[in-house]
């Protein structure tokens, strides 16, 4: 992610930006720029890694 949501990736996982924004918020992030990398598995479990700057 590196703070930017790549439009192709949510489509490949068959999720939309609303789902992604909710996941980000539910995991305690206020802004995608706080995230270095996000990984989503086949069960639609999103793992986010904080951007340490």
N, C-alpha and C. Protein backbone atom coordinates (compact mmCIF):
# COMPACT_ATOMS: atom_id res chain seq x y z
N UNK A 1 0.83 -1.20 0.00
CA UNK A 1 0.00 0.00 0.00
C UNK A 1 0.87 1.26 0.00
N UNK A 2 1.78 1.37 0.91
CA UNK A 2 2.64 2.53 1.01
C UNK A 2 1.82 3.83 0.99
N UNK A 3 0.65 3.78 1.62
CA UNK A 3 -0.20 4.95 1.70
C UNK A 3 -1.11 5.14 0.50
N UNK A 4 -0.96 4.31 -0.52
CA UNK A 4 -1.79 4.42 -1.72
C UNK A 4 -2.52 3.11 -1.94
N UNK A 5 -3.81 3.22 -2.17
CA UNK A 5 -4.61 2.03 -2.46
C UNK A 5 -4.55 1.79 -3.96
N UNK A 6 -4.09 0.62 -4.34
CA UNK A 6 -4.02 0.25 -5.74
C UNK A 6 -5.38 -0.29 -6.18
N UNK A 7 -6.00 0.37 -7.14
CA UNK A 7 -7.36 0.04 -7.55
C UNK A 7 -7.53 -1.40 -8.00
N UNK A 8 -6.50 -1.99 -8.60
CA UNK A 8 -6.61 -3.34 -9.14
C UNK A 8 -6.73 -4.39 -8.03
N UNK A 9 -6.04 -4.19 -6.92
CA UNK A 9 -5.97 -5.22 -5.89
C UNK A 9 -7.31 -5.51 -5.22
N UNK A 10 -8.07 -4.51 -4.78
CA UNK A 10 -9.38 -4.84 -4.20
C UNK A 10 -10.29 -5.56 -5.19
N UNK A 11 -10.21 -5.18 -6.46
CA UNK A 11 -11.04 -5.84 -7.48
C UNK A 11 -10.67 -7.31 -7.60
N UNK A 12 -9.38 -7.62 -7.54
CA UNK A 12 -8.94 -9.01 -7.63
C UNK A 12 -9.46 -9.83 -6.46
N UNK A 13 -9.58 -9.21 -5.29
CA UNK A 13 -10.06 -9.91 -4.11
C UNK A 13 -11.58 -9.87 -3.99
N UNK A 14 -12.23 -9.24 -4.96
CA UNK A 14 -13.68 -9.11 -5.00
C UNK A 14 -14.23 -8.37 -3.78
N UNK A 15 -13.55 -7.29 -3.43
CA UNK A 15 -14.01 -6.38 -2.37
C UNK A 15 -14.04 -4.98 -2.97
N UNK A 16 -14.74 -4.07 -2.30
CA UNK A 16 -14.79 -2.70 -2.79
C UNK A 16 -14.06 -1.77 -1.83
N UNK A 17 -13.94 -0.52 -2.22
CA UNK A 17 -13.22 0.45 -1.39
C UNK A 17 -13.93 0.71 -0.06
N UNK A 18 -15.24 0.57 -0.01
CA UNK A 18 -15.97 0.75 1.25
C UNK A 18 -15.54 -0.32 2.24
N UNK A 19 -15.46 -1.58 1.78
CA UNK A 19 -15.00 -2.69 2.63
C UNK A 19 -13.58 -2.41 3.11
N UNK A 20 -12.72 -1.99 2.18
CA UNK A 20 -11.32 -1.73 2.52
C UNK A 20 -11.19 -0.60 3.52
N UNK A 21 -11.91 0.49 3.33
CA UNK A 21 -11.86 1.62 4.27
C UNK A 21 -12.34 1.19 5.66
N UNK A 22 -13.38 0.34 5.71
CA UNK A 22 -13.88 -0.14 7.00
C UNK A 22 -12.83 -1.00 7.70
N UNK A 23 -12.17 -1.86 6.95
CA UNK A 23 -11.13 -2.70 7.52
C UNK A 23 -9.99 -1.85 8.09
N UNK A 24 -9.60 -0.84 7.34
CA UNK A 24 -8.53 0.06 7.78
C UNK A 24 -8.93 0.75 9.08
N UNK A 25 -10.15 1.28 9.13
CA UNK A 25 -10.64 1.96 10.33
C UNK A 25 -10.77 0.99 11.50
N UNK A 26 -11.32 -0.20 11.24
CA UNK A 26 -11.51 -1.19 12.30
C UNK A 26 -10.19 -1.63 12.92
N UNK A 27 -9.11 -1.55 12.15
CA UNK A 27 -7.81 -1.95 12.66
C UNK A 27 -7.05 -0.77 13.30
N UNK A 28 -7.73 0.37 13.44
CA UNK A 28 -7.18 1.48 14.20
C UNK A 28 -6.41 2.52 13.40
N UNK A 29 -6.48 2.43 12.09
CA UNK A 29 -5.79 3.42 11.26
C UNK A 29 -6.76 4.53 10.89
N UNK A 30 -6.28 5.75 10.91
CA UNK A 30 -7.11 6.89 10.55
C UNK A 30 -6.94 7.27 9.08
N UNK A 31 -5.80 6.89 8.52
CA UNK A 31 -5.45 7.31 7.17
C UNK A 31 -4.63 6.20 6.51
N UNK A 32 -4.88 5.89 5.24
CA UNK A 32 -4.09 4.86 4.56
C UNK A 32 -2.58 5.19 4.52
N UNK A 33 -2.23 6.44 4.66
CA UNK A 33 -0.81 6.82 4.64
C UNK A 33 -0.06 6.27 5.85
N UNK A 34 -0.79 5.82 6.86
CA UNK A 34 -0.17 5.21 8.04
C UNK A 34 0.26 3.76 7.75
N UNK A 35 -0.14 3.24 6.59
CA UNK A 35 0.07 1.84 6.28
C UNK A 35 1.17 1.69 5.23
N UNK A 36 2.12 0.82 5.54
CA UNK A 36 3.19 0.53 4.59
C UNK A 36 2.74 -0.53 3.59
N UNK A 37 2.08 -1.57 4.11
CA UNK A 37 1.70 -2.70 3.27
C UNK A 37 0.44 -3.34 3.81
N UNK A 38 -0.41 -3.77 2.92
CA UNK A 38 -1.60 -4.51 3.29
C UNK A 38 -1.67 -5.80 2.49
N UNK A 39 -1.94 -6.89 3.18
CA UNK A 39 -2.05 -8.19 2.53
C UNK A 39 -3.41 -8.79 2.83
N UNK A 40 -4.04 -9.34 1.83
CA UNK A 40 -5.36 -9.95 2.00
C UNK A 40 -5.29 -11.39 1.51
N UNK A 41 -5.73 -12.33 2.35
CA UNK A 41 -5.68 -13.74 1.95
C UNK A 41 -7.00 -14.15 1.29
N UNK A 42 -7.09 -15.42 0.91
CA UNK A 42 -8.28 -15.92 0.21
C UNK A 42 -9.55 -15.87 1.06
N UNK A 43 -9.40 -15.80 2.38
CA UNK A 43 -10.55 -15.69 3.28
C UNK A 43 -10.95 -14.25 3.54
N UNK A 44 -10.34 -13.34 2.81
CA UNK A 44 -10.57 -11.90 2.95
C UNK A 44 -10.16 -11.39 4.34
N UNK A 45 -9.10 -11.98 4.88
CA UNK A 45 -8.51 -11.48 6.11
C UNK A 45 -7.41 -10.50 5.72
N UNK A 46 -7.58 -9.26 6.14
CA UNK A 46 -6.64 -8.20 5.78
C UNK A 46 -5.64 -7.99 6.90
N UNK A 47 -4.36 -8.09 6.56
CA UNK A 47 -3.28 -7.84 7.51
C UNK A 47 -2.58 -6.56 7.07
N UNK A 48 -2.50 -5.61 7.99
CA UNK A 48 -1.90 -4.31 7.68
C UNK A 48 -0.61 -4.13 8.47
N UNK A 49 0.38 -3.54 7.83
CA UNK A 49 1.66 -3.25 8.47
C UNK A 49 1.86 -1.75 8.50
N UNK A 50 2.11 -1.25 9.72
CA UNK A 50 2.25 0.18 9.94
C UNK A 50 3.50 0.74 9.27
N UNK A 51 3.35 1.91 8.71
CA UNK A 51 4.46 2.65 8.12
C UNK A 51 5.23 3.32 9.25
N UNK A 52 6.46 2.92 9.44
CA UNK A 52 7.28 3.46 10.54
C UNK A 52 8.19 4.54 9.96
N UNK A 53 7.78 5.77 10.12
CA UNK A 53 8.58 6.90 9.61
C UNK A 53 8.69 7.93 10.68
